[in-house]
Each structure stands twice: as structure tokens, then as C-alpha cells.
Amino acid sequence: MRQPAADRRAPRRGAAGRPRRGRRAPRRPCARLGRGGPLTRRAVLTEAFSFLHRPYGWGDYAGGRDCSRYLMDMFGGLGLVLPRHTSDQALAGAVEDLAPDLPEAERLRRIDAAHRRGVVLLHFPGHIMLYLGRDDAGTAMAIHSFAEYLVPCAGRTDGAPAGERETLLKVDGVHVSDLELGRGTSRGAFIQRISKITVLVPPAPEPRP
């Protein structure tokens, strides 16, 4: 006998008589608020700068922190749980992708607009930073844990090997920098390499005095 249509649409049941569940789609990485005080800009900056000059360590080598571990530990102190890896952290909020050929002026405009909306991370493949905003001179600044960056050699010739045209400077720690690092080298400036802007959360209002 042919089953009624309603019976044909009923979900299949397991041995215990409960409906079987299909596979869930992979969950997107996200930042989760744990127990902590209000996530104000002041709190974020205070916690971020408490790690200043701490040593760099890729993959936690020798007790140091790489870029993603720094952000994970720093935000963890504020009750905000981040994923471990840069690529996951870059997807842990409201994300805006930047095209490789996007002009730098437009890149900065979008970064500043995101900064007005909340706490901002800047990502390019293999690295992630906390955006601090503009300093008194109007320069875009970030704080991050990083190992090194390239600088062009004075008097270099374009046809020379890369090793003769640029010098690798070691940093190996948490530092504040502008987004010009690497300008004129084979890697390019940080501002040219940024591929994602991530707004984690809107900052809470500062407490009244």
C-alpha cells in the first residue's frame, strides 16, 4: 500500500525512535565573550600595551608569542575568546575583504571607517595586527607581535638580486608600528598587503567618572 504524502515526508528515525539529524555545516570561527569587564577602547589599549616588548616566538617557541597568540592572550585577559590561528581570527567578526589592487587611500579610509564601528584587526596572509587608529601626526598605527620586516638598501639597483636590494631587520617582539613597514621591498608595505579588515565587537561606552 502506498503511504500517504505526509508519511513520506516524515523524518527517518533511529533505533531509539528519535529523528536522525543531518550533518551540520562547519561553524565559522567567532570571537566569544567570556567573563570579563566591559570591552571599552581604554580596556583594550591598556591590555594591548601591557604586552609591549614581550618576546616573539613562532608557535609559542621558547615561551614567546607569535601574532595570533599575542591577540588571543591579550583579548583573553578581557574575557574575549579568539581562535588560535591568524586565518581563523580574521574571520572572527564582521569581515571586509580588500582587493589586491585597491588604492592605498581607499584602504585607509575603509580601515578608519571600521575603527569607528569597533575593535579592528588587520590581516594579511600569515600575519594579523590590532589597529590603534591615527596618531597625533595622522599616521595609521598598529600593535602586533612580529619577527622581522624588510627595508630597501640605499643605492640599490633594480636588477640586483633581492638579497642585495633589501635588508632583513629583526624585531622579535610586540611593538607598535605604522603600516609603512616593508615599503619599497619585494614584500611591499603592510598597508599594501592587508587583505581583510575584521571588526570584532563594538566597544562598550567608557564608564563615567
Protein backbone atom coordinates (compact mmCIF):
# COMPACT_ATOMS: atom_id res chain seq x y z
CA MET A 1 0.00 0.00 0.00
CA ARG A 2 1.27 3.44 -0.90
CA GLN A 3 1.96 5.65 2.11
CA PRO A 4 0.20 8.99 2.45
CA ALA A 5 2.25 12.01 1.39
CA ALA A 6 2.53 13.21 4.98
CA ASP A 7 4.12 9.89 6.00
CA ARG A 8 6.58 10.01 3.10
CA ARG A 9 7.80 13.43 4.27
CA ALA A 10 8.30 12.33 7.88
CA PRO A 11 11.96 12.26 9.02
CA ARG A 12 13.73 8.93 9.34
CA ARG A 13 14.11 7.70 12.88
CA GLY A 14 16.95 5.90 14.57
CA ALA A 15 16.83 2.81 16.72
CA ALA A 16 15.68 4.84 19.74
CA GLY A 17 12.81 6.33 17.77
CA ARG A 18 14.38 9.83 17.62
CA PRO A 19 14.69 11.69 14.33
CA ARG A 20 18.09 11.37 12.74
CA ARG A 21 19.98 14.62 12.39
CA GLY A 22 21.84 15.53 9.25
CA ARG A 23 25.40 16.83 9.31
CA ARG A 24 25.77 20.41 10.41
CA ALA A 25 27.65 22.86 8.23
CA PRO A 26 31.09 23.80 9.58
CA ARG A 27 30.81 26.64 12.06
CA ARG A 28 32.52 29.89 11.18
CA PRO A 29 35.23 30.94 13.66
CA CYS A 30 33.97 33.62 16.01
CA ALA A 31 35.02 35.67 18.98
CA ARG A 32 33.12 34.70 22.11
CA LEU A 33 32.65 36.93 25.11
CA GLY A 34 33.56 35.14 28.30
CA ARG A 35 33.58 36.54 31.79
CA GLY A 36 35.19 39.95 31.96
CA GLY A 37 34.56 43.64 32.38
CA PRO A 38 33.17 45.97 29.69
CA LEU A 39 35.23 45.81 26.50
CA THR A 40 35.94 49.54 26.22
CA ARG A 41 38.62 51.04 23.98
CA ARG A 42 40.54 52.05 27.09
CA ALA A 43 40.46 48.47 28.38
CA VAL A 44 41.62 47.10 25.01
CA LEU A 45 44.50 49.58 24.78
CA THR A 46 45.56 49.03 28.39
CA GLU A 47 45.65 45.26 27.90
CA ALA A 48 47.33 45.51 24.49
CA PHE A 49 50.16 47.72 25.76
CA SER A 50 50.72 45.52 28.81
CA PHE A 51 52.42 43.07 26.40
CA LEU A 52 54.66 45.72 24.79
CA HIS A 53 58.21 44.43 24.11
CA ARG A 54 57.33 40.89 25.19
CA PRO A 55 59.34 38.40 23.07
CA TYR A 56 58.16 36.93 19.79
CA GLY A 57 58.00 33.15 19.43
CA TRP A 58 56.55 31.41 16.40
CA GLY A 59 54.25 28.65 17.60
CA ASP A 60 54.96 29.69 21.21
CA TYR A 61 58.65 28.85 20.78
CA ALA A 62 60.70 29.45 23.96
CA GLY A 63 57.70 30.95 25.73
CA GLY A 64 57.27 33.77 23.21
CA ARG A 65 54.13 34.78 21.38
CA ASP A 66 53.53 34.98 17.66
CA CYS A 67 51.00 37.42 16.23
CA SER A 68 47.90 35.30 16.79
CA ARG A 69 48.94 34.06 20.24
CA TYR A 70 49.50 37.67 21.31
CA LEU A 71 45.98 38.65 20.27
CA MET A 72 44.45 35.51 21.74
CA ASP A 73 46.13 36.06 25.12
CA MET A 74 45.53 39.79 25.12
CA PHE A 75 41.81 39.56 24.38
CA GLY A 76 41.55 36.53 26.65
CA GLY A 77 42.51 38.79 29.53
CA LEU A 78 39.43 40.85 28.68
CA GLY A 79 37.12 37.86 28.52
CA LEU A 80 37.03 37.68 24.71
CA VAL A 81 37.89 34.22 23.37
CA LEU A 82 39.61 34.20 19.97
CA PRO A 83 40.65 31.24 17.80
CA ARG A 84 44.37 30.35 17.76
CA HIS A 85 45.33 30.91 14.13
CA THR A 86 45.53 34.11 12.08
CA SER A 87 43.22 32.91 9.32
CA ASP A 88 40.53 32.00 11.87
CA GLN A 89 40.96 35.22 13.84
CA ALA A 90 40.48 37.17 10.61
CA LEU A 91 37.03 35.57 10.29
CA ALA A 92 36.03 36.05 13.93
CA GLY A 93 33.94 39.18 13.40
CA ALA A 94 32.42 41.33 10.68
CA VAL A 95 34.87 40.90 7.78
CA GLU A 96 35.58 43.17 4.83
CA ASP A 97 37.85 41.81 2.10
CA LEU A 98 40.23 44.20 0.35
CA ALA A 99 41.07 43.61 -3.29
CA PRO A 100 44.81 43.49 -4.05
CA ASP A 101 44.57 46.43 -6.45
CA LEU A 102 42.57 48.67 -4.07
CA PRO A 103 44.29 52.08 -3.81
CA GLU A 104 46.00 52.80 -0.52
CA ALA A 105 43.92 55.89 0.20
CA GLU A 106 40.75 53.81 -0.08
CA ARG A 107 42.29 51.08 2.08
CA LEU A 108 42.97 53.60 4.84
CA ARG A 109 39.51 55.11 4.51
CA ARG A 110 37.89 51.70 4.97
CA ILE A 111 40.16 50.82 7.90
CA ASP A 112 39.32 54.08 9.66
CA ALA A 113 35.60 53.61 8.98
CA ALA A 114 35.79 50.13 10.53
CA HIS A 115 37.68 51.54 13.51
CA ARG A 116 34.80 53.90 14.21
CA ARG A 117 32.48 50.88 14.40
CA GLY A 118 34.51 48.77 16.81
CA VAL A 119 37.73 46.95 17.67
CA VAL A 120 39.60 46.22 14.42
CA LEU A 121 42.05 43.53 13.36
CA LEU A 122 44.08 43.85 10.16
CA HIS A 123 45.11 40.67 8.40
CA PHE A 124 47.26 39.60 5.52
CA PRO A 125 48.30 36.01 4.84
CA GLY A 126 50.42 34.82 7.74
CA HIS A 127 50.04 37.89 9.95
CA ILE A 128 47.44 39.79 12.00
CA MET A 129 47.53 43.09 13.93
CA LEU A 130 45.38 45.20 16.23
CA TYR A 131 44.64 48.57 14.65
CA LEU A 132 45.20 51.50 17.02
CA GLY A 133 43.91 54.34 14.86
CA ARG A 134 45.77 57.53 13.92
CA ASP A 135 48.49 59.16 15.99
CA ASP A 136 48.83 62.93 16.51
CA ALA A 137 50.53 63.24 13.13
CA GLY A 138 47.68 61.42 11.39
CA THR A 139 49.66 58.22 10.78
CA ALA A 140 47.78 54.91 10.89
CA MET A 141 49.28 52.74 13.66
CA ALA A 142 49.02 49.13 14.81
CA ILE A 143 50.34 46.97 17.63
CA HIS A 144 51.42 43.41 16.87
CA SER A 145 53.91 40.68 17.64
CA PHE A 146 56.24 40.06 14.72
CA ALA A 147 59.68 38.72 13.93
CA GLU A 148 61.05 40.83 11.11
CA TYR A 149 60.49 43.14 8.17
CA LEU A 150 62.38 44.23 5.08
CA VAL A 151 63.87 47.64 4.30
CA PRO A 152 65.29 48.69 0.92
CA CYS A 153 69.05 49.20 0.67
CA ALA A 154 70.28 52.67 -0.24
CA GLY A 155 71.69 52.88 -3.76
CA ARG A 156 70.25 49.56 -4.78
CA THR A 157 69.74 48.68 -8.43
CA ASP A 158 66.50 47.11 -9.57
CA GLY A 159 68.30 44.36 -11.47
CA ALA A 160 70.29 43.18 -8.45
CA PRO A 161 69.28 40.03 -6.53
CA ALA A 162 66.75 40.60 -3.75
CA GLY A 163 69.41 39.92 -1.12
CA GLU A 164 71.42 42.87 -2.42
CA ARG A 165 68.44 45.21 -2.76
CA GLU A 166 66.93 44.83 0.71
CA THR A 167 67.88 44.08 4.30
CA LEU A 168 66.01 41.96 6.81
CA LEU A 169 65.58 43.71 10.16
CA LYS A 170 64.81 41.57 13.19
CA VAL A 171 62.19 42.77 15.68
CA ASP A 172 61.19 39.64 17.60
CA GLY A 173 58.61 41.11 19.92
CA VAL A 174 55.39 43.03 20.47
CA HIS A 175 55.80 46.52 19.03
CA VAL A 176 53.83 49.49 17.77
CA SER A 177 54.43 50.38 14.14
CA ASP A 178 52.89 52.24 11.27
CA LEU A 179 51.66 50.39 8.20
CA GLU A 180 54.58 51.51 6.04
CA LEU A 181 56.94 48.72 7.08
CA GLY A 182 58.31 46.97 4.01
CA ARG A 183 57.71 49.88 1.63
CA GLY A 184 59.88 49.56 -1.50
CA THR A 185 60.81 45.91 -0.91
CA SER A 186 59.84 42.67 -2.61
CA ARG A 187 57.17 42.07 0.06
CA GLY A 188 55.61 45.52 -0.15
CA ALA A 189 54.33 47.77 2.63
CA PHE A 190 51.97 46.36 5.24
CA ILE A 191 49.18 48.67 4.03
CA GLN A 192 49.57 47.23 0.53
CA ARG A 193 49.38 43.66 1.80
CA ILE A 194 46.33 43.87 4.07
CA SER A 195 43.61 41.60 2.69
CA LYS A 196 40.98 41.61 5.47
CA ILE A 197 39.56 44.12 7.93
CA THR A 198 37.81 42.45 10.87
CA VAL A 199 35.58 44.31 13.32
CA LEU A 200 35.41 42.13 16.42
CA VAL A 201 32.90 43.90 18.64
CA PRO A 202 31.57 47.43 19.14
CA PRO A 203 33.39 48.99 22.10
CA ALA A 204 31.36 49.45 25.26
CA PRO A 205 30.79 53.02 26.47
CA GLU A 206 33.53 54.32 28.73
CA PRO A 207 32.41 54.46 32.36
CA ARG A 208 31.52 57.93 33.60
CA PRO A 209 33.90 59.44 36.14
